[in-house]
Structures are given as C-alpha cells and as structure tokens.
C-alpha cells in the first residue's frame, strides 16, 4: 500500500495555488479522487496539522487573503495520526537514523512514517 503523509503546507496548498494559479497539492489530491493513481493508498494526516491549519488560515485571513476555513479531506482512504505518548516513547529509536539531524520542526513527526 502506498502511504502519503500530508504536512500542513501541503494541505494548505490544496486550497491555495501559487502565483501562476497552480497547486501541486490540489493536483495530487484530485488524482486520488479521479482514480489516476493505481493500487491501494492511504493519506495520513498528522493530528498536529489540524491546529496548524487553523492557525495558518487565521493568519491568512488577518493578512487579507481569502481562503475557506473548511477542509474536507477525510475519507475511507484517510487516517488521522495522533501525536501521543506512544509516539514520543518510540522517538528515541530515531536519533541514530541517517538524516534525523537534518529534520526541523514537525518534519520530525512525519519522519516516522
């Protein structure tokens, strides 16, 4: 099964195209819904992203940008991955893995997948 972890910037990108009007996040998510990607897949949305998305949308509204607050992303191929004590307890295993020291912020959460 193919697994896709969506961080906050990718989720926001689904709704917010770049200056040329293109949104790679929207394009990929549409490919899922249109059946262009073969085989089973799972979209993984870290629970941390829920808070980050709300904060990002609020900041965009404050800056005068128009973006819908609602995001309808969850479906039968999606899970919400909780950031809980079980993940924290496993995190010590990651310290010695190649590339761990290059990760920043929430990338540390996503690396586990």
PDB file of N, CA and C in Angstrom:
ATOM      1  N   UNK A   1       0.838  -1.180   0.000  1.00  0.00           N
ATOM      2  CA  UNK A   1       0.000   0.000   0.000  1.00  0.00           C
ATOM      3  C   UNK A   1       0.886   1.247   0.000  1.00  0.00           C
ATOM      4  N   UNK A   2       0.517   2.196  -0.836  1.00  0.00           N
ATOM      5  CA  UNK A   2       1.219   3.476  -0.867  1.00  0.00           C
ATOM      6  C   UNK A   2       0.679   4.357   0.251  1.00  0.00           C
ATOM      7  N   UNK A   3       1.606   5.004   0.982  1.00  0.00           N
ATOM      8  CA  UNK A   3       1.198   5.885   2.077  1.00  0.00           C
ATOM      9  C   UNK A   3       1.717   7.288   1.800  1.00  0.00           C
ATOM     10  N   UNK A   4       0.839   8.256   1.988  1.00  0.00           N
ATOM     11  CA  UNK A   4       1.183   9.654   1.762  1.00  0.00           C
ATOM     12  C   UNK A   4       0.932  10.434   3.052  1.00  0.00           C
ATOM     13  N   UNK A   5       1.986  11.044   3.577  1.00  0.00           N
ATOM     14  CA  UNK A   5       1.853  11.869   4.772  1.00  0.00           C
ATOM     15  C   UNK A   5       1.753  13.313   4.324  1.00  0.00           C
ATOM     16  N   UNK A   6       0.690  13.971   4.743  1.00  0.00           N
ATOM     17  CA  UNK A   6       0.430  15.356   4.347  1.00  0.00           C
ATOM     18  C   UNK A   6       0.801  16.274   5.501  1.00  0.00           C
ATOM     19  N   UNK A   7       1.761  17.159   5.273  1.00  0.00           N
ATOM     20  CA  UNK A   7       2.054  18.156   6.294  1.00  0.00           C
ATOM     21  C   UNK A   7       1.180  19.382   6.060  1.00  0.00           C
ATOM     22  N   UNK A   8       1.247  20.323   6.962  1.00  0.00           N
ATOM     23  CA  UNK A   8       0.362  21.483   6.908  1.00  0.00           C
ATOM     24  C   UNK A   8       0.513  22.273   5.617  1.00  0.00           C
ATOM     25  N   UNK A   9       1.747  22.485   5.176  1.00  0.00           N
ATOM     26  CA  UNK A   9       1.944  23.284   3.959  1.00  0.00           C
ATOM     27  C   UNK A   9       1.328  22.594   2.744  1.00  0.00           C
ATOM     28  N   UNK A  10       1.399  21.273   2.676  1.00  0.00           N
ATOM     29  CA  UNK A  10       0.792  20.554   1.553  1.00  0.00           C
ATOM     30  C   UNK A  10      -0.736  20.628   1.612  1.00  0.00           C
ATOM     31  N   UNK A  11      -1.296  20.559   2.813  1.00  0.00           N
ATOM     32  CA  UNK A  11      -2.752  20.649   2.953  1.00  0.00           C
ATOM     33  C   UNK A  11      -3.235  22.043   2.567  1.00  0.00           C
ATOM     34  N   UNK A  12      -2.549  23.067   3.051  1.00  0.00           N
ATOM     35  CA  UNK A  12      -2.907  24.443   2.689  1.00  0.00           C
ATOM     36  C   UNK A  12      -2.779  24.632   1.179  1.00  0.00           C
ATOM     37  N   UNK A  13      -1.767  24.018   0.584  1.00  0.00           N
ATOM     38  CA  UNK A  13      -1.544  24.141  -0.853  1.00  0.00           C
ATOM     39  C   UNK A  13      -2.702  23.574  -1.676  1.00  0.00           C
ATOM     40  N   UNK A  14      -3.459  22.644  -1.116  1.00  0.00           N
ATOM     41  CA  UNK A  14      -4.620  22.114  -1.825  1.00  0.00           C
ATOM     42  C   UNK A  14      -5.604  23.247  -2.119  1.00  0.00           C
ATOM     43  N   UNK A  15      -5.732  24.179  -1.199  1.00  0.00           N
ATOM     44  CA  UNK A  15      -6.670  25.292  -1.340  1.00  0.00           C
ATOM     45  C   UNK A  15      -6.045  26.555  -1.913  1.00  0.00           C
ATOM     46  N   UNK A  16      -4.736  26.711  -1.797  1.00  0.00           N
ATOM     47  CA  UNK A  16      -4.074  27.974  -2.129  1.00  0.00           C
ATOM     48  C   UNK A  16      -3.061  27.764  -3.267  1.00  0.00           C
ATOM     49  N   UNK A  17      -3.411  28.110  -4.503  1.00  0.00           N
ATOM     50  CA  UNK A  17      -2.468  27.934  -5.619  1.00  0.00           C
ATOM     51  C   UNK A  17      -1.310  28.931  -5.546  1.00  0.00           C
ATOM     52  N   UNK A  18      -0.265  28.646  -6.308  1.00  0.00           N
ATOM     53  CA  UNK A  18       0.863  29.584  -6.350  1.00  0.00           C
ATOM     54  C   UNK A  18       0.511  30.783  -7.225  1.00  0.00           C
ATOM     55  N   UNK A  19       1.471  31.662  -7.454  1.00  0.00           N
ATOM     56  CA  UNK A  19       1.199  32.904  -8.189  1.00  0.00           C
ATOM     57  C   UNK A  19       0.772  32.660  -9.640  1.00  0.00           C
ATOM     58  N   UNK A  20       1.088  31.481 -10.187  1.00  0.00           N
ATOM     59  CA  UNK A  20       0.665  31.148 -11.552  1.00  0.00           C
ATOM     60  C   UNK A  20      -0.669  30.396 -11.570  1.00  0.00           C
ATOM     61  N   UNK A  21      -1.275  30.225 -10.388  1.00  0.00           N
ATOM     62  CA  UNK A  21      -2.565  29.542 -10.321  1.00  0.00           C
ATOM     63  C   UNK A  21      -2.474  28.032 -10.230  1.00  0.00           C
ATOM     64  N   UNK A  22      -1.272  27.476 -10.047  1.00  0.00           N
ATOM     65  CA  UNK A  22      -1.088  26.026  -9.975  1.00  0.00           C
ATOM     66  C   UNK A  22      -0.948  25.585  -8.525  1.00  0.00           C
ATOM     67  N   UNK A  23      -1.552  24.483  -8.192  1.00  0.00           N
ATOM     68  CA  UNK A  23      -1.458  23.923  -6.850  1.00  0.00           C
ATOM     69  C   UNK A  23      -1.084  22.448  -6.959  1.00  0.00           C
ATOM     70  N   UNK A  24       0.178  22.095  -6.689  1.00  0.00           N
ATOM     71  CA  UNK A  24       0.557  20.679  -6.757  1.00  0.00           C
ATOM     72  C   UNK A  24      -0.227  19.823  -5.759  1.00  0.00           C
ATOM     73  N   UNK A  25      -0.536  20.376  -4.574  1.00  0.00           N
ATOM     74  CA  UNK A  25      -1.315  19.634  -3.589  1.00  0.00           C
ATOM     75  C   UNK A  25      -2.702  19.306  -4.110  1.00  0.00           C
ATOM     76  N   UNK A  26      -3.362  20.293  -4.716  1.00  0.00           N
ATOM     77  CA  UNK A  26      -4.695  20.080  -5.279  1.00  0.00           C
ATOM     78  C   UNK A  26      -4.623  19.053  -6.417  1.00  0.00           C
ATOM     79  N   UNK A  27      -3.611  19.184  -7.265  1.00  0.00           N
ATOM     80  CA  UNK A  27      -3.458  18.276  -8.391  1.00  0.00           C
ATOM     81  C   UNK A  27      -3.306  16.827  -7.926  1.00  0.00           C
ATOM     82  N   UNK A  28      -2.465  16.601  -6.909  1.00  0.00           N
ATOM     83  CA  UNK A  28      -2.280  15.247  -6.384  1.00  0.00           C
ATOM     84  C   UNK A  28      -3.556  14.734  -5.742  1.00  0.00           C
ATOM     85  N   UNK A  29      -4.209  15.560  -4.936  1.00  0.00           N
ATOM     86  CA  UNK A  29      -5.431  15.118  -4.271  1.00  0.00           C
ATOM     87  C   UNK A  29      -6.537  14.813  -5.285  1.00  0.00           C
ATOM     88  N   UNK A  30      -6.603  15.582  -6.365  1.00  0.00           N
ATOM     89  CA  UNK A  30      -7.579  15.327  -7.433  1.00  0.00           C
ATOM     90  C   UNK A  30      -7.257  14.010  -8.140  1.00  0.00           C
ATOM     91  N   UNK A  31      -5.966  13.717  -8.337  1.00  0.00           N
ATOM     92  CA  UNK A  31      -5.581  12.438  -8.937  1.00  0.00           C
ATOM     93  C   UNK A  31      -6.102  11.266  -8.101  1.00  0.00           C
ATOM     94  N   UNK A  32      -6.070  11.403  -6.771  1.00  0.00           N
ATOM     95  CA  UNK A  32      -6.638  10.359  -5.911  1.00  0.00           C
ATOM     96  C   UNK A  32      -8.122  10.196  -6.189  1.00  0.00           C
ATOM     97  N   UNK A  33      -8.861  11.298  -6.126  1.00  0.00           N
ATOM     98  CA  UNK A  33     -10.317  11.219  -6.266  1.00  0.00           C
ATOM     99  C   UNK A  33     -10.747  10.798  -7.666  1.00  0.00           C
ATOM    100  N   UNK A  34      -9.936  11.107  -8.677  1.00  0.00           N
ATOM    101  CA  UNK A  34     -10.266  10.724 -10.052  1.00  0.00           C
ATOM    102  C   UNK A  34      -9.802   9.313 -10.407  1.00  0.00           C
ATOM    103  N   UNK A  35      -9.096   8.652  -9.475  1.00  0.00           N
ATOM    104  CA  UNK A  35      -8.639   7.288  -9.713  1.00  0.00           C
ATOM    105  C   UNK A  35      -7.417   7.161 -10.607  1.00  0.00           C
ATOM    106  N   UNK A  36      -6.648   8.220 -10.755  1.00  0.00           N
ATOM    107  CA  UNK A  36      -5.467   8.180 -11.612  1.00  0.00           C
ATOM    108  C   UNK A  36      -4.307   7.422 -10.982  1.00  0.00           C
ATOM    109  N   UNK A  37      -4.279   7.310  -9.681  1.00  0.00           N
ATOM    110  CA  UNK A  37      -3.211   6.568  -9.009  1.00  0.00           C
ATOM    111  C   UNK A  37      -3.676   5.143  -8.781  1.00  0.00           C
ATOM    112  N   UNK A  38      -2.895   4.194  -9.266  1.00  0.00           N
ATOM    113  CA  UNK A  38      -3.307   2.794  -9.174  1.00  0.00           C
ATOM    114  C   UNK A  38      -2.935   2.201  -7.822  1.00  0.00           C
ATOM    115  N   UNK A  39      -3.677   1.187  -7.458  1.00  0.00           N
ATOM    116  CA  UNK A  39      -3.397   0.456  -6.238  1.00  0.00           C
ATOM    117  C   UNK A  39      -3.945   1.122  -4.998  1.00  0.00           C
ATOM    118  N   UNK A  40      -3.931   0.377  -3.915  1.00  0.00           N
ATOM    119  CA  UNK A  40      -4.438   0.944  -2.661  1.00  0.00           C
ATOM    120  C   UNK A  40      -3.496   2.026  -2.134  1.00  0.00           C
ATOM    121  N   UNK A  41      -4.065   3.011  -1.479  1.00  0.00           N
ATOM    122  CA  UNK A  41      -3.267   4.089  -0.896  1.00  0.00           C
ATOM    123  C   UNK A  41      -3.909   4.543   0.396  1.00  0.00           C
ATOM    124  N   UNK A  42      -3.116   5.238   1.179  1.00  0.00           N
ATOM    125  CA  UNK A  42      -3.617   5.791   2.428  1.00  0.00           C
ATOM    126  C   UNK A  42      -3.038   7.186   2.611  1.00  0.00           C
ATOM    127  N   UNK A  43      -3.917   8.148   2.854  1.00  0.00           N
ATOM    128  CA  UNK A  43      -3.498   9.503   3.185  1.00  0.00           C
ATOM    129  C   UNK A  43      -3.413   9.600   4.701  1.00  0.00           C
ATOM    130  N   UNK A  44      -2.273  10.048   5.193  1.00  0.00           N
ATOM    131  CA  UNK A  44      -2.054  10.173   6.629  1.00  0.00           C
ATOM    132  C   UNK A  44      -1.972  11.650   6.971  1.00  0.00           C
ATOM    133  N   UNK A  45      -2.879  12.079   7.840  1.00  0.00           N
ATOM    134  CA  UNK A  45      -2.913  13.468   8.273  1.00  0.00           C
ATOM    135  C   UNK A  45      -2.543  13.518   9.749  1.00  0.00           C
ATOM    136  N   UNK A  46      -1.370  14.042  10.088  1.00  0.00           N
ATOM    137  CA  UNK A  46      -0.994  14.144  11.499  1.00  0.00           C
ATOM    138  C   UNK A  46      -1.968  15.065  12.238  1.00  0.00           C
ATOM    139  N   UNK A  47      -2.391  14.653  13.429  1.00  0.00           N
ATOM    140  CA  UNK A  47      -3.329  15.447  14.214  1.00  0.00           C
ATOM    141  C   UNK A  47      -2.794  16.852  14.459  1.00  0.00           C
ATOM    142  N   UNK A  48      -1.495  16.989  14.555  1.00  0.00           N
ATOM    143  CA  UNK A  48      -0.870  18.294  14.752  1.00  0.00           C
ATOM    144  C   UNK A  48      -1.262  19.268  13.641  1.00  0.00           C
ATOM    145  N   UNK A  49      -1.495  18.752  12.446  1.00  0.00           N
ATOM    146  CA  UNK A  49      -1.846  19.602  11.305  1.00  0.00           C
ATOM    147  C   UNK A  49      -3.185  20.306  11.499  1.00  0.00           C
ATOM    148  N   UNK A  50      -4.099  19.722  12.266  1.00  0.00           N
ATOM    149  CA  UNK A  50      -5.408  20.349  12.485  1.00  0.00           C
ATOM    150  C   UNK A  50      -5.223  21.718  13.134  1.00  0.00           C
ATOM    151  N   UNK A  51      -4.418  21.768  14.169  1.00  0.00           N
ATOM    152  CA  UNK A  51      -4.139  23.037  14.841  1.00  0.00           C
ATOM    153  C   UNK A  51      -3.372  23.982  13.914  1.00  0.00           C
ATOM    154  N   UNK A  52      -2.355  23.458  13.228  1.00  0.00           N
ATOM    155  CA  UNK A  52      -1.532  24.295  12.349  1.00  0.00           C
ATOM    156  C   UNK A  52      -2.356  24.885  11.203  1.00  0.00           C
ATOM    157  N   UNK A  53      -3.279  24.119  10.650  1.00  0.00           N
ATOM    158  CA  UNK A  53      -4.115  24.610   9.556  1.00  0.00           C
ATOM    159  C   UNK A  53      -5.004  25.750  10.050  1.00  0.00           C
ATOM    160  N   UNK A  54      -5.623  25.567  11.198  1.00  0.00           N
ATOM    161  CA  UNK A  54      -6.468  26.627  11.751  1.00  0.00           C
ATOM    162  C   UNK A  54      -5.676  27.909  11.961  1.00  0.00           C
ATOM    163  N   UNK A  55      -4.476  27.778  12.500  1.00  0.00           N
ATOM    164  CA  UNK A  55      -3.636  28.955  12.732  1.00  0.00           C
ATOM    165  C   UNK A  55      -3.214  29.602  11.417  1.00  0.00           C
ATOM    166  N   UNK A  56      -2.863  28.792  10.423  1.00  0.00           N
ATOM    167  CA  UNK A  56      -2.443  29.317   9.122  1.00  0.00           C
ATOM    168  C   UNK A  56      -3.586  30.046   8.425  1.00  0.00           C
ATOM    169  N   UNK A  57      -4.777  29.452   8.433  1.00  0.00           N
ATOM    170  CA  UNK A  57      -5.939  30.085   7.802  1.00  0.00           C
ATOM    171  C   UNK A  57      -6.270  31.395   8.519  1.00  0.00           C
ATOM    172  N   UNK A  58      -6.204  31.399   9.844  1.00  0.00           N
ATOM    173  CA  UNK A  58      -6.460  32.639  10.598  1.00  0.00           C
ATOM    174  C   UNK A  58      -5.458  33.724  10.227  1.00  0.00           C
ATOM    175  N   UNK A  59      -4.195  33.346  10.108  1.00  0.00           N
ATOM    176  CA  UNK A  59      -3.154  34.309   9.716  1.00  0.00           C
ATOM    177  C   UNK A  59      -3.413  34.841   8.308  1.00  0.00           C
ATOM    178  N   UNK A  60      -3.820  33.971   7.403  1.00  0.00           N
ATOM    179  CA  UNK A  60      -4.114  34.398   6.034  1.00  0.00           C
ATOM    180  C   UNK A  60      -5.294  35.368   6.020  1.00  0.00           C
ATOM    181  N   UNK A  61      -6.318  35.081   6.811  1.00  0.00           N
ATOM    182  CA  UNK A  61      -7.468  35.994   6.908  1.00  0.00           C
ATOM    183  C   UNK A  61      -7.021  37.347   7.460  1.00  0.00           C
ATOM    184  N   UNK A  62      -6.177  37.328   8.489  1.00  0.00           N
ATOM    185  CA  UNK A  62      -5.680  38.564   9.081  1.00  0.00           C
ATOM    186  C   UNK A  62      -4.922  39.390   8.046  1.00  0.00           C
ATOM    187  N   UNK A  63      -4.208  38.693   7.139  1.00  0.00           N
ATOM    188  CA  UNK A  63      -3.427  39.367   6.099  1.00  0.00           C
ATOM    189  C   UNK A  63      -4.267  39.753   4.887  1.00  0.00           C
ATOM    190  N   UNK A  64      -5.585  39.527   4.956  1.00  0.00           N
ATOM    191  CA  UNK A  64      -6.480  39.943   3.883  1.00  0.00           C
ATOM    192  C   UNK A  64      -6.636  38.943   2.750  1.00  0.00           C
ATOM    193  N   UNK A  65      -6.115  37.731   2.895  1.00  0.00           N
ATOM    194  CA  UNK A  65      -6.262  36.707   1.856  1.00  0.00           C
ATOM    195  C   UNK A  65      -7.575  35.965   2.056  1.00  0.00           C
ATOM    196  N   UNK A  66      -8.143  35.523   0.963  1.00  0.00           N
ATOM    197  CA  UNK A  66      -9.387  34.762   1.026  1.00  0.00           C
ATOM    198  C   UNK A  66      -9.066  33.281   0.877  1.00  0.00           C
ATOM    199  N   UNK A  67      -9.465  32.524   1.864  1.00  0.00           N
ATOM    200  CA  UNK A  67      -9.309  31.072   1.834  1.00  0.00           C
ATOM    201  C   UNK A  67     -10.406  30.491   2.725  1.00  0.00           C
ATOM    202  N   UNK A  68     -11.014  29.420   2.279  1.00  0.00           N
ATOM    203  CA  UNK A  68     -12.053  28.782   3.081  1.00  0.00           C
ATOM    204  C   UNK A  68     -11.444  28.146   4.321  1.00  0.00           C
ATOM    205  N   UNK A  69     -12.111  28.269   5.417  1.00  0.00           N
ATOM    206  CA  UNK A  69     -11.627  27.653   6.655  1.00  0.00           C
ATOM    207  C   UNK A  69     -11.858  26.142   6.646  1.00  0.00           C
ATOM    208  N   UNK A  70     -12.901  25.682   5.978  1.00  0.00           N
ATOM    209  CA  UNK A  70     -13.245  24.260   5.984  1.00  0.00           C
ATOM    210  C   UNK A  70     -12.366  23.474   5.010  1.00  0.00           C
ATOM    211  N   UNK A  71     -11.928  22.316   5.458  1.00  0.00           N
ATOM    212  CA  UNK A  71     -11.181  21.379   4.626  1.00  0.00           C
ATOM    213  C   UNK A  71     -11.861  20.027   4.750  1.00  0.00           C
ATOM    214  N   UNK A  72     -12.281  19.461   3.638  1.00  0.00           N
ATOM    215  CA  UNK A  72     -12.935  18.161   3.639  1.00  0.00           C
ATOM    216  C   UNK A  72     -11.996  17.145   3.001  1.00  0.00           C
ATOM    217  N   UNK A  73     -11.129  16.575   3.824  1.00  0.00           N
ATOM    218  CA  UNK A  73     -10.097  15.689   3.303  1.00  0.00           C
ATOM    219  C   UNK A  73     -10.256  14.240   3.749  1.00  0.00           C
ATOM    220  N   UNK A  74     -10.959  14.018   4.819  1.00  0.00           N
ATOM    221  CA  UNK A  74     -11.055  12.676   5.365  1.00  0.00           C
ATOM    222  C   UNK A  74     -12.042  11.838   4.552  1.00  0.00           C
ATOM    223  N   UNK A  75     -11.597  10.637   4.216  1.00  0.00           N
ATOM    224  CA  UNK A  75     -12.452   9.674   3.523  1.00  0.00           C
ATOM    225  C   UNK A  75     -12.003   8.271   3.902  1.00  0.00           C
ATOM    226  N   UNK A  76     -12.491   7.260   3.202  1.00  0.00           N
ATOM    227  CA  UNK A  76     -12.161   5.872   3.549  1.00  0.00           C
ATOM    228  C   UNK A  76     -10.681   5.543   3.364  1.00  0.00           C
ATOM    229  N   UNK A  77      -9.934   6.388   2.650  1.00  0.00           N
ATOM    230  CA  UNK A  77      -8.507   6.167   2.437  1.00  0.00           C
ATOM    231  C   UNK A  77      -7.646   7.075   3.311  1.00  0.00           C
ATOM    232  N   UNK A  78      -8.238   7.696   4.324  1.00  0.00           N
ATOM    233  CA  UNK A  78      -7.524   8.668   5.147  1.00  0.00           C
ATOM    234  C   UNK A  78      -7.571   8.285   6.614  1.00  0.00           C
ATOM    235  N   UNK A  79      -6.473   8.588   7.294  1.00  0.00           N
ATOM    236  CA  UNK A  79      -6.455   8.418   8.748  1.00  0.00           C
ATOM    237  C   UNK A  79      -5.881   9.680   9.378  1.00  0.00           C
ATOM    238  N   UNK A  80      -6.287   9.915  10.598  1.00  0.00           N
ATOM    239  CA  UNK A  80      -5.740  10.986  11.401  1.00  0.00           C
ATOM    240  C   UNK A  80      -4.771  10.320  12.367  1.00  0.00           C
ATOM    241  N   UNK A  81      -3.487  10.689  12.278  1.00  0.00           N
ATOM    242  CA  UNK A  81      -2.452  10.057  13.098  1.00  0.00           C
ATOM    243  C   UNK A  81      -2.227  10.899  14.343  1.00  0.00           C
ATOM    244  N   UNK A  82      -2.506  10.298  15.498  1.00  0.00           N
ATOM    245  CA  UNK A  82      -2.388  11.026  16.751  1.00  0.00           C
ATOM    246  C   UNK A  82      -0.944  11.141  17.214  1.00  0.00           C
ATOM    247  N   UNK A  83      -0.617  12.304  17.703  1.00  0.00           N
ATOM    248  CA  UNK A  83       0.679  12.536  18.321  1.00  0.00           C
ATOM    249  C   UNK A  83       0.473  12.292  19.808  1.00  0.00           C
ATOM    250  N   UNK A  84       0.872  11.117  20.272  1.00  0.00           N
ATOM    251  CA  UNK A  84       0.596  10.764  21.651  1.00  0.00           C
ATOM    252  C   UNK A  84       1.847  10.224  22.350  1.00  0.00           C
ATOM    253  N   UNK A  85       1.680   9.778  23.560  1.00  0.00           N
ATOM    254  CA  UNK A  85       2.828   9.316  24.335  1.00  0.00           C
ATOM    255  C   UNK A  85       3.492   8.094  23.701  1.00  0.00           C
ATOM    256  N   UNK A  86       2.736   7.243  23.004  1.00  0.00           N
ATOM    257  CA  UNK A  86       3.335   6.076  22.348  1.00  0.00           C
ATOM    258  C   UNK A  86       4.350   6.513  21.290  1.00  0.00           C
ATOM    259  N   UNK A  87       4.024   7.550  20.515  1.00  0.00           N
ATOM    260  CA  UNK A  87       4.965   8.063  19.520  1.00  0.00           C
ATOM    261  C   UNK A  87       6.188   8.681  20.206  1.00  0.00           C
ATOM    262  N   UNK A  88       5.948   9.423  21.265  1.00  0.00           N
ATOM    263  CA  UNK A  88       7.052  10.051  21.990  1.00  0.00           C
ATOM    264  C   UNK A  88       8.000   8.989  22.544  1.00  0.00           C
ATOM    265  N   UNK A  89       7.444   7.916  23.082  1.00  0.00           N
ATOM    266  CA  UNK A  89       8.267   6.844  23.642  1.00  0.00           C
ATOM    267  C   UNK A  89       9.104   6.140  22.577  1.00  0.00           C
ATOM    268  N   UNK A  90       8.615   6.080  21.351  1.00  0.00           N
ATOM    269  CA  UNK A  90       9.358   5.451  20.260  1.00  0.00           C
ATOM    270  C   UNK A  90      10.422   6.373  19.662  1.00  0.00           C
ATOM    271  N   UNK A  91      10.327   7.663  19.927  1.00  0.00           N
ATOM    272  CA  UNK A  91      11.182   8.626  19.238  1.00  0.00           C
ATOM    273  C   UNK A  91      12.676   8.415  19.492  1.00  0.00           C
ATOM    274  N   UNK A  92      13.031   7.832  20.624  1.00  0.00           N
ATOM    275  CA  UNK A  92      14.459   7.625  20.893  1.00  0.00           C
ATOM    276  C   UNK A  92      15.107   6.723  19.849  1.00  0.00           C
ATOM    277  N   UNK A  93      14.329   5.854  19.216  1.00  0.00           N
ATOM    278  CA  UNK A  93      14.853   4.953  18.185  1.00  0.00           C
ATOM    279  C   UNK A  93      15.300   5.707  16.930  1.00  0.00           C
ATOM    280  N   UNK A  94      14.779   6.910  16.731  1.00  0.00           N
ATOM    281  CA  UNK A  94      15.066   7.667  15.515  1.00  0.00           C
ATOM    282  C   UNK A  94      16.399   8.414  15.560  1.00  0.00           C
ATOM    283  N   UNK A  95      16.889   8.719  16.745  1.00  0.00           N
ATOM    284  CA  UNK A  95      18.064   9.581  16.873  1.00  0.00           C
ATOM    285  C   UNK A  95      19.276   9.102  16.084  1.00  0.00           C
ATOM    286  N   UNK A  96      19.453   7.810  15.965  1.00  0.00           N
ATOM    287  CA  UNK A  96      20.631   7.296  15.268  1.00  0.00           C
ATOM    288  C   UNK A  96      20.402   7.056  13.778  1.00  0.00           C
ATOM    289  N   UNK A  97      19.205   7.289  13.292  1.00  0.00           N
ATOM    290  CA  UNK A  97      18.930   7.049  11.882  1.00  0.00           C
ATOM    291  C   UNK A  97      19.527   8.146  11.011  1.00  0.00           C
ATOM    292  N   UNK A  98      19.998   7.736   9.849  1.00  0.00           N
ATOM    293  CA  UNK A  98      20.583   8.671   8.892  1.00  0.00           C
ATOM    294  C   UNK A  98      19.570   9.759   8.524  1.00  0.00           C
ATOM    295  N   UNK A  99      20.003  10.983   8.543  1.00  0.00           N
ATOM    296  CA  UNK A  99      19.162  12.105   8.149  1.00  0.00           C
ATOM    297  C   UNK A  99      18.356  12.726   9.273  1.00  0.00           C
ATOM    298  N   UNK A 100      18.309  12.084  10.448  1.00  0.00           N
ATOM    299  CA  UNK A 100      17.494  12.606  11.545  1.00  0.00           C
ATOM    300  C   UNK A 100      17.915  14.013  11.949  1.00  0.00           C
ATOM    301  N   UNK A 101      19.213  14.258  11.977  1.00  0.00           N
ATOM    302  CA  UNK A 101      19.697  15.566  12.429  1.00  0.00           C
ATOM    303  C   UNK A 101      19.378  16.689  11.446  1.00  0.00           C
ATOM    304  N   UNK A 102      18.935  16.352  10.237  1.00  0.00           N
ATOM    305  CA  UNK A 102      18.599  17.373   9.238  1.00  0.00           C
ATOM    306  C   UNK A 102      17.131  17.790   9.294  1.00  0.00           C
ATOM    307  N   UNK A 103      16.330  17.079  10.062  1.00  0.00           N
ATOM    308  CA  UNK A 103      14.907  17.378  10.145  1.00  0.00           C
ATOM    309  C   UNK A 103      14.661  18.583  11.042  1.00  0.00           C
ATOM    310  N   UNK A 104      13.578  19.324  10.745  1.00  0.00           N
ATOM    311  CA  UNK A 104      13.221  20.501  11.534  1.00  0.00           C
ATOM    312  C   UNK A 104      11.749  20.449  11.904  1.00  0.00           C
ATOM    313  N   UNK A 105      11.429  20.998  13.056  1.00  0.00           N
ATOM    314  CA  UNK A 105      10.035  21.164  13.478  1.00  0.00           C
ATOM    315  C   UNK A 105       9.205  19.906  13.332  1.00  0.00           C
ATOM    316  N   UNK A 106       8.039  20.021  12.742  1.00  0.00           N
ATOM    317  CA  UNK A 106       7.112  18.903  12.618  1.00  0.00           C
ATOM    318  C   UNK A 106       7.614  17.849  11.645  1.00  0.00           C
ATOM    319  N   UNK A 107       8.655  18.158  10.849  1.00  0.00           N
ATOM    320  CA  UNK A 107       9.242  17.120   9.999  1.00  0.00           C
ATOM    321  C   UNK A 107       9.679  15.932  10.843  1.00  0.00           C
ATOM    322  N   UNK A 108      10.028  16.188  12.091  1.00  0.00           N
ATOM    323  CA  UNK A 108      10.406  15.097  12.984  1.00  0.00           C
ATOM    324  C   UNK A 108       9.238  14.153  13.216  1.00  0.00           C
ATOM    325  N   UNK A 109       8.041  14.670  13.246  1.00  0.00           N
ATOM    326  CA  UNK A 109       6.853  13.838  13.417  1.00  0.00           C
ATOM    327  C   UNK A 109       6.620  13.002  12.178  1.00  0.00           C
ATOM    328  N   UNK A 110       6.718  13.620  11.014  1.00  0.00           N
ATOM    329  CA  UNK A 110       6.408  12.941   9.755  1.00  0.00           C
ATOM    330  C   UNK A 110       7.449  11.883   9.395  1.00  0.00           C
ATOM    331  N   UNK A 111       8.670  12.041   9.880  1.00  0.00           N
ATOM    332  CA  UNK A 111       9.761  11.127   9.528  1.00  0.00           C
ATOM    333  C   UNK A 111       9.455   9.688   9.935  1.00  0.00           C
ATOM    334  N   UNK A 112       8.709   9.481  10.975  1.00  0.00           N
ATOM    335  CA  UNK A 112       8.435   8.135  11.487  1.00  0.00           C
ATOM    336  C   UNK A 112       7.744   7.264  10.449  1.00  0.00           C
ATOM    337  N   UNK A 113       7.013   7.856   9.505  1.00  0.00           N
ATOM    338  CA  UNK A 113       6.312   7.077   8.502  1.00  0.00           C
ATOM    339  C   UNK A 113       7.285   6.637   7.457  1.00  0.00           C
TER     340      UNK A 113
END
